[in-house]
N, C-alpha and C. Protein backbone atom coordinates (compact mmCIF):
# COMPACT_ATOMS: atom_id res chain seq x y z
N UNK A 1 -1.96 -14.23 16.13
CA UNK A 1 -2.17 -15.62 15.80
C UNK A 1 -0.96 -16.41 16.32
N UNK A 2 -1.24 -17.43 17.02
CA UNK A 2 -0.19 -18.26 17.58
C UNK A 2 0.22 -19.29 16.54
N UNK A 3 1.55 -19.42 16.33
CA UNK A 3 2.10 -20.37 15.37
C UNK A 3 3.33 -21.02 15.97
N UNK A 4 3.49 -22.30 15.70
CA UNK A 4 4.67 -23.01 16.17
C UNK A 4 5.65 -23.11 15.01
N UNK A 5 6.87 -22.65 15.24
CA UNK A 5 7.91 -22.68 14.21
C UNK A 5 9.17 -23.29 14.79
N UNK A 6 9.94 -23.93 13.95
CA UNK A 6 11.23 -24.47 14.34
C UNK A 6 12.30 -23.54 13.77
N UNK A 7 12.79 -22.62 14.62
CA UNK A 7 13.75 -21.61 14.17
C UNK A 7 15.11 -21.92 14.80
N UNK A 8 16.13 -21.83 13.98
CA UNK A 8 17.50 -22.02 14.45
C UNK A 8 17.75 -21.05 15.61
N UNK A 9 18.14 -21.55 16.78
CA UNK A 9 18.34 -20.69 17.96
C UNK A 9 19.37 -19.58 17.72
N UNK A 10 20.44 -19.90 16.97
CA UNK A 10 21.45 -18.87 16.70
C UNK A 10 20.87 -17.76 15.82
N UNK A 11 20.03 -18.15 14.87
CA UNK A 11 19.38 -17.17 13.99
C UNK A 11 18.42 -16.29 14.80
N UNK A 12 17.67 -16.90 15.69
CA UNK A 12 16.75 -16.14 16.53
C UNK A 12 17.51 -15.18 17.44
N UNK A 13 18.64 -15.63 18.00
CA UNK A 13 19.47 -14.74 18.82
C UNK A 13 19.97 -13.55 18.00
N UNK A 14 20.34 -13.82 16.75
CA UNK A 14 20.83 -12.74 15.88
C UNK A 14 19.70 -11.75 15.56
N UNK A 15 18.50 -12.26 15.33
CA UNK A 15 17.35 -11.39 15.06
C UNK A 15 17.07 -10.51 16.28
N UNK A 16 17.14 -11.10 17.46
CA UNK A 16 16.95 -10.32 18.68
C UNK A 16 17.99 -9.21 18.78
N UNK A 17 19.22 -9.54 18.47
CA UNK A 17 20.32 -8.56 18.54
C UNK A 17 20.16 -7.46 17.50
N UNK A 18 19.89 -7.85 16.27
CA UNK A 18 19.81 -6.89 15.17
C UNK A 18 18.61 -5.95 15.33
N UNK A 19 17.47 -6.50 15.76
CA UNK A 19 16.27 -5.67 15.89
C UNK A 19 16.27 -4.83 17.15
N UNK A 20 17.07 -5.24 18.14
CA UNK A 20 17.09 -4.52 19.41
C UNK A 20 15.90 -4.84 20.30
N UNK A 21 15.12 -5.82 19.90
CA UNK A 21 13.96 -6.22 20.70
C UNK A 21 14.38 -7.25 21.75
N UNK A 22 13.66 -7.27 22.85
CA UNK A 22 13.92 -8.29 23.88
C UNK A 22 12.94 -9.45 23.74
N UNK A 23 11.79 -9.16 23.18
CA UNK A 23 10.72 -10.14 23.02
C UNK A 23 10.89 -10.84 21.67
N UNK A 24 10.87 -12.17 21.67
CA UNK A 24 11.08 -12.94 20.43
C UNK A 24 9.99 -12.65 19.39
N UNK A 25 8.75 -12.58 19.84
CA UNK A 25 7.65 -12.31 18.92
C UNK A 25 7.83 -10.96 18.24
N UNK A 26 8.15 -9.94 19.03
CA UNK A 26 8.35 -8.60 18.46
C UNK A 26 9.54 -8.59 17.51
N UNK A 27 10.59 -9.31 17.87
CA UNK A 27 11.79 -9.35 17.02
C UNK A 27 11.50 -10.02 15.69
N UNK A 28 10.81 -11.14 15.72
CA UNK A 28 10.49 -11.85 14.48
C UNK A 28 9.52 -11.02 13.63
N UNK A 29 8.53 -10.41 14.27
CA UNK A 29 7.58 -9.56 13.55
C UNK A 29 8.31 -8.39 12.88
N UNK A 30 9.21 -7.76 13.61
CA UNK A 30 9.97 -6.64 13.06
C UNK A 30 10.84 -7.09 11.88
N UNK A 31 11.46 -8.24 12.02
CA UNK A 31 12.31 -8.77 10.95
C UNK A 31 11.48 -9.11 9.71
N UNK A 32 10.32 -9.71 9.91
CA UNK A 32 9.45 -10.05 8.78
C UNK A 32 8.94 -8.80 8.07
N UNK A 33 8.55 -7.80 8.85
CA UNK A 33 8.09 -6.54 8.24
C UNK A 33 9.21 -5.89 7.43
N UNK A 34 10.41 -5.92 7.98
CA UNK A 34 11.56 -5.36 7.25
C UNK A 34 11.83 -6.12 5.97
N UNK A 35 11.73 -7.43 6.03
CA UNK A 35 11.95 -8.25 4.84
C UNK A 35 10.91 -7.92 3.76
N UNK A 36 9.65 -7.87 4.15
CA UNK A 36 8.57 -7.57 3.20
C UNK A 36 8.75 -6.18 2.61
N UNK A 37 9.08 -5.22 3.44
CA UNK A 37 9.31 -3.84 2.96
C UNK A 37 10.41 -3.79 1.93
N UNK A 38 11.54 -4.45 2.21
CA UNK A 38 12.67 -4.45 1.26
C UNK A 38 12.29 -5.16 -0.04
N UNK A 39 11.53 -6.24 0.05
CA UNK A 39 11.10 -6.97 -1.14
C UNK A 39 10.20 -6.10 -2.01
N UNK A 40 9.27 -5.38 -1.37
CA UNK A 40 8.37 -4.51 -2.14
C UNK A 40 9.13 -3.36 -2.78
N UNK A 41 10.10 -2.81 -2.09
CA UNK A 41 10.92 -1.74 -2.66
C UNK A 41 11.66 -2.26 -3.88
N UNK A 42 12.22 -3.46 -3.77
CA UNK A 42 12.92 -4.07 -4.91
C UNK A 42 11.98 -4.24 -6.09
N UNK A 43 10.77 -4.73 -5.83
CA UNK A 43 9.79 -4.91 -6.91
C UNK A 43 9.44 -3.59 -7.57
N UNK A 44 9.28 -2.54 -6.76
CA UNK A 44 8.98 -1.21 -7.33
C UNK A 44 10.13 -0.71 -8.19
N UNK A 45 11.35 -0.90 -7.70
CA UNK A 45 12.52 -0.47 -8.48
C UNK A 45 12.60 -1.22 -9.80
N UNK A 46 12.29 -2.51 -9.78
CA UNK A 46 12.34 -3.32 -11.00
C UNK A 46 11.26 -2.90 -11.99
N UNK A 47 10.15 -2.39 -11.50
CA UNK A 47 9.07 -1.98 -12.41
C UNK A 47 9.23 -0.54 -12.88
N UNK A 48 10.25 0.16 -12.39
CA UNK A 48 10.46 1.55 -12.80
C UNK A 48 10.61 1.64 -14.30
N UNK A 49 9.86 2.56 -14.88
CA UNK A 49 9.92 2.75 -16.32
C UNK A 49 8.97 1.87 -17.10
N UNK A 50 8.30 0.96 -16.44
CA UNK A 50 7.40 0.06 -17.16
C UNK A 50 5.96 0.55 -17.14
N UNK A 51 5.70 1.64 -16.43
CA UNK A 51 4.35 2.20 -16.36
C UNK A 51 4.32 3.48 -17.18
N UNK A 52 3.36 3.57 -18.08
CA UNK A 52 3.24 4.75 -18.93
C UNK A 52 2.42 5.80 -18.17
N UNK A 53 3.13 6.65 -17.42
CA UNK A 53 2.45 7.63 -16.58
C UNK A 53 1.71 8.68 -17.38
N UNK A 54 2.20 9.02 -18.55
CA UNK A 54 1.54 10.05 -19.35
C UNK A 54 0.14 9.58 -19.73
N UNK A 55 0.03 8.38 -20.28
CA UNK A 55 -1.29 7.87 -20.65
C UNK A 55 -2.16 7.66 -19.42
N UNK A 56 -1.57 7.16 -18.35
CA UNK A 56 -2.35 6.96 -17.14
C UNK A 56 -2.84 8.29 -16.58
N UNK A 57 -2.03 9.32 -16.66
CA UNK A 57 -2.43 10.64 -16.19
C UNK A 57 -3.58 11.16 -17.04
N UNK A 58 -3.50 10.99 -18.34
CA UNK A 58 -4.60 11.43 -19.22
C UNK A 58 -5.88 10.67 -18.92
N UNK A 59 -5.75 9.37 -18.70
CA UNK A 59 -6.93 8.57 -18.36
C UNK A 59 -7.54 9.04 -17.05
N UNK A 60 -6.69 9.32 -16.07
CA UNK A 60 -7.16 9.79 -14.78
C UNK A 60 -7.87 11.14 -14.92
N UNK A 61 -7.29 12.04 -15.69
CA UNK A 61 -7.92 13.35 -15.90
C UNK A 61 -9.28 13.20 -16.58
N UNK A 62 -9.37 12.29 -17.56
CA UNK A 62 -10.65 12.06 -18.25
C UNK A 62 -11.68 11.48 -17.29
N UNK A 63 -11.27 10.55 -16.44
CA UNK A 63 -12.18 9.98 -15.45
C UNK A 63 -12.67 11.05 -14.48
N UNK A 64 -11.75 11.91 -14.03
CA UNK A 64 -12.13 12.97 -13.10
C UNK A 64 -13.11 13.94 -13.76
N UNK A 65 -12.88 14.27 -15.01
CA UNK A 65 -13.76 15.18 -15.74
C UNK A 65 -15.16 14.58 -15.87
N UNK A 66 -15.23 13.31 -16.24
CA UNK A 66 -16.53 12.64 -16.36
C UNK A 66 -17.25 12.60 -15.01
N UNK A 67 -16.51 12.35 -13.94
CA UNK A 67 -17.11 12.30 -12.61
C UNK A 67 -17.61 13.68 -12.20
N UNK A 68 -16.85 14.72 -12.50
CA UNK A 68 -17.29 16.07 -12.17
C UNK A 68 -18.55 16.43 -12.96
N UNK A 69 -18.61 16.04 -14.23
CA UNK A 69 -19.80 16.30 -15.05
C UNK A 69 -21.01 15.55 -14.50
N UNK A 70 -20.81 14.31 -14.07
CA UNK A 70 -21.90 13.52 -13.51
C UNK A 70 -22.43 14.17 -12.23
N UNK A 71 -21.50 14.60 -11.37
CA UNK A 71 -21.92 15.24 -10.12
C UNK A 71 -22.62 16.56 -10.38
N UNK A 72 -22.13 17.32 -11.37
CA UNK A 72 -22.75 18.60 -11.72
C UNK A 72 -24.19 18.38 -12.17
N UNK A 73 -24.41 17.39 -13.02
CA UNK A 73 -25.77 17.08 -13.49
C UNK A 73 -26.65 16.66 -12.32
N UNK A 74 -26.10 15.87 -11.44
CA UNK A 74 -26.88 15.38 -10.30
C UNK A 74 -27.30 16.53 -9.40
N UNK A 75 -26.36 17.41 -9.07
CA UNK A 75 -26.68 18.52 -8.18
C UNK A 75 -27.56 19.56 -8.86
N UNK A 76 -27.40 19.72 -10.16
CA UNK A 76 -28.28 20.63 -10.90
C UNK A 76 -29.71 20.13 -10.85
N UNK A 77 -29.88 18.82 -11.02
CA UNK A 77 -31.22 18.23 -10.95
C UNK A 77 -31.80 18.39 -9.55
N UNK A 78 -30.98 18.22 -8.52
CA UNK A 78 -31.46 18.39 -7.15
C UNK A 78 -31.87 19.83 -6.89
N UNK A 79 -31.10 20.79 -7.42
CA UNK A 79 -31.44 22.20 -7.25
C UNK A 79 -32.75 22.53 -7.97
N UNK A 80 -32.91 21.96 -9.17
CA UNK A 80 -34.15 22.18 -9.91
C UNK A 80 -35.35 21.63 -9.14
N UNK A 81 -35.20 20.45 -8.57
CA UNK A 81 -36.27 19.85 -7.78
C UNK A 81 -36.57 20.70 -6.54
N UNK A 82 -35.55 21.26 -5.93
CA UNK A 82 -35.74 22.07 -4.72
C UNK A 82 -36.46 23.37 -5.04
N UNK A 83 -36.26 23.91 -6.23
CA UNK A 83 -36.91 25.16 -6.63
C UNK A 83 -38.39 24.95 -6.91
N UNK A 84 -38.77 23.76 -7.29
CA UNK A 84 -40.16 23.51 -7.67
C UNK A 84 -41.05 23.27 -6.52
């Protein structure tokens, strides 16, 4: 997508230097991806300990068990139909 931006030339030169890219588009894209990645890592670190993995694991196991039972019933019915 083509976008027109007013970027400080010194800042753009620094982005080119830091990223090692020669192309401005690639340099800005690389810098933006790096920024987003670091921001998401920070958010994950801040949420550490706020998720109850034990309960979530139990819920996941219960969901998997119910799904396995549903599939077993479905395939048993298909086998019964095939035998008839």
